[in-house]
Amino acid sequence: MKHKNELLATLQNNRIDMALISETHFTHSSHFNLPGFQTLKTNHPDGTAHAGAAVIVRSSLLFYPLPPYQTDHIQSC
């Protein structure tokens, strides 16, 4: 993600606990970490760098993730 530093600054400066990101364009080999946050992601099922979704959650929050959902037209996590 080319705007990773900008995203981290926005989350921290605005005290955002959770962010929903669409069109992540991640693949199975993509690794994305932000200090102080956990990232849940779902890629497009064909493994290419398009579509995709991510949920970024502040590490101090307790949550229980649901199983990811992937189809050609919908990805959720």
C-alpha atoms as a PDB file:
ATOM      1  CA  MET A   1       0.000   0.000   0.000  1.00  0.00           C
ATOM      2  CA  LYS A   2       1.703   3.162  -1.163  1.00  0.00           C
ATOM      3  CA  HIS A   3      -0.102   5.474   1.318  1.00  0.00           C
ATOM      4  CA  LYS A   4       0.704   3.417   4.414  1.00  0.00           C
ATOM      5  CA  ASN A   5       2.407   6.260   6.330  1.00  0.00           C
ATOM      6  CA  GLU A   6      -0.413   8.669   5.497  1.00  0.00           C
ATOM      7  CA  LEU A   7      -2.997   6.118   6.665  1.00  0.00           C
ATOM      8  CA  LEU A   8      -1.160   5.527   9.949  1.00  0.00           C
ATOM      9  CA  ALA A   9      -0.887   9.279  10.595  1.00  0.00           C
ATOM     10  CA  THR A  10      -4.612   9.745   9.897  1.00  0.00           C
ATOM     11  CA  LEU A  11      -5.568   6.899  12.238  1.00  0.00           C
ATOM     12  CA  GLN A  12      -3.344   8.199  15.034  1.00  0.00           C
ATOM     13  CA  ASN A  13      -4.018  11.938  14.653  1.00  0.00           C
ATOM     14  CA  ASN A  14      -7.789  11.456  14.545  1.00  0.00           C
ATOM     15  CA  ARG A  15      -7.902   8.724  17.220  1.00  0.00           C
ATOM     16  CA  ILE A  16      -9.584   6.299  14.825  1.00  0.00           C
ATOM     17  CA  ASP A  17     -10.036   2.815  16.288  1.00  0.00           C
ATOM     18  CA  MET A  18     -11.261   1.033  13.156  1.00  0.00           C
ATOM     19  CA  ALA A  19     -10.960   1.641   9.419  1.00  0.00           C
ATOM     20  CA  LEU A  20     -12.662  -0.193   6.553  1.00  0.00           C
ATOM     21  CA  ILE A  21     -10.626  -0.267   3.348  1.00  0.00           C
ATOM     22  CA  SER A  22     -11.873  -1.331  -0.086  1.00  0.00           C
ATOM     23  CA  GLU A  23      -9.938  -2.029  -3.289  1.00  0.00           C
ATOM     24  CA  THR A  24      -6.807  -3.077  -1.380  1.00  0.00           C
ATOM     25  CA  HIS A  25      -5.288  -4.817  -4.419  1.00  0.00           C
ATOM     26  CA  PHE A  26      -3.419  -7.208  -2.098  1.00  0.00           C
ATOM     27  CA  THR A  27      -2.307 -10.668  -3.186  1.00  0.00           C
ATOM     28  CA  HIS A  28      -1.559 -13.767  -1.115  1.00  0.00           C
ATOM     29  CA  SER A  29       2.046 -12.599  -0.839  1.00  0.00           C
ATOM     30  CA  SER A  30       1.111  -9.086   0.390  1.00  0.00           C
ATOM     31  CA  HIS A  31       2.013  -8.290   3.987  1.00  0.00           C
ATOM     32  CA  PHE A  32       0.526  -5.205   5.614  1.00  0.00           C
ATOM     33  CA  ASN A  33       1.129  -4.169   9.215  1.00  0.00           C
ATOM     34  CA  LEU A  34       0.609  -0.906  11.049  1.00  0.00           C
ATOM     35  CA  PRO A  35       2.119  -0.449  14.529  1.00  0.00           C
ATOM     36  CA  GLY A  36      -0.640  -0.523  17.161  1.00  0.00           C
ATOM     37  CA  PHE A  37      -3.217  -2.059  14.810  1.00  0.00           C
ATOM     38  CA  GLN A  38      -4.305  -5.481  13.600  1.00  0.00           C
ATOM     39  CA  THR A  39      -5.210  -5.933   9.944  1.00  0.00           C
ATOM     40  CA  LEU A  40      -7.772  -8.415   8.656  1.00  0.00           C
ATOM     41  CA  LYS A  41      -7.792  -8.796   4.891  1.00  0.00           C
ATOM     42  CA  THR A  42      -9.546 -10.705   2.160  1.00  0.00           C
ATOM     43  CA  ASN A  43      -8.083 -10.839  -1.338  1.00  0.00           C
ATOM     44  CA  HIS A  44      -9.761 -11.522  -4.657  1.00  0.00           C
ATOM     45  CA  PRO A  45     -10.084 -15.316  -5.003  1.00  0.00           C
ATOM     46  CA  ASP A  46      -8.053 -15.462  -8.237  1.00  0.00           C
ATOM     47  CA  GLY A  47      -4.967 -14.204  -6.358  1.00  0.00           C
ATOM     48  CA  THR A  48      -4.261 -11.256  -8.642  1.00  0.00           C
ATOM     49  CA  ALA A  49      -3.741  -7.681  -7.424  1.00  0.00           C
ATOM     50  CA  HIS A  50      -7.240  -6.258  -7.785  1.00  0.00           C
ATOM     51  CA  ALA A  51     -10.350  -5.823  -5.622  1.00  0.00           C
ATOM     52  CA  GLY A  52     -10.006  -6.926  -1.967  1.00  0.00           C
ATOM     53  CA  ALA A  53     -11.029  -5.595   1.433  1.00  0.00           C
ATOM     54  CA  ALA A  54      -9.360  -4.911   4.768  1.00  0.00           C
ATOM     55  CA  VAL A  55     -10.439  -4.018   8.290  1.00  0.00           C
ATOM     56  CA  ILE A  56      -7.838  -2.240  10.417  1.00  0.00           C
ATOM     57  CA  VAL A  57      -8.520  -2.445  14.170  1.00  0.00           C
ATOM     58  CA  ARG A  58      -6.656  -0.797  17.038  1.00  0.00           C
ATOM     59  CA  SER A  59      -4.781  -3.535  18.920  1.00  0.00           C
ATOM     60  CA  SER A  60      -6.284  -2.505  22.270  1.00  0.00           C
ATOM     61  CA  LEU A  61      -9.817  -3.399  21.104  1.00  0.00           C
ATOM     62  CA  LEU A  62     -11.199  -6.860  21.785  1.00  0.00           C
ATOM     63  CA  PHE A  63     -12.959  -8.312  18.748  1.00  0.00           C
ATOM     64  CA  TYR A  64     -13.878 -11.651  17.236  1.00  0.00           C
ATOM     65  CA  PRO A  65     -13.348 -11.878  13.469  1.00  0.00           C
ATOM     66  CA  LEU A  66     -15.816 -13.683  11.253  1.00  0.00           C
ATOM     67  CA  PRO A  67     -14.558 -16.006   8.513  1.00  0.00           C
ATOM     68  CA  PRO A  68     -13.550 -14.106   5.351  1.00  0.00           C
ATOM     69  CA  TYR A  69     -15.944 -14.187   2.387  1.00  0.00           C
ATOM     70  CA  GLN A  70     -14.630 -14.300  -1.188  1.00  0.00           C
ATOM     71  CA  THR A  71     -16.399 -14.401  -4.529  1.00  0.00           C
ATOM     72  CA  ASP A  72     -15.444 -12.879  -7.870  1.00  0.00           C
ATOM     73  CA  HIS A  73     -17.606  -9.825  -7.081  1.00  0.00           C
ATOM     74  CA  ILE A  74     -17.550  -9.553  -3.262  1.00  0.00           C
ATOM     75  CA  GLN A  75     -14.739  -9.788  -0.717  1.00  0.00           C
ATOM     76  CA  SER A  76     -15.299  -9.135   2.997  1.00  0.00           C
ATOM     77  CA  CYS A  77     -13.419  -9.769   6.203  1.00  0.00           C
END
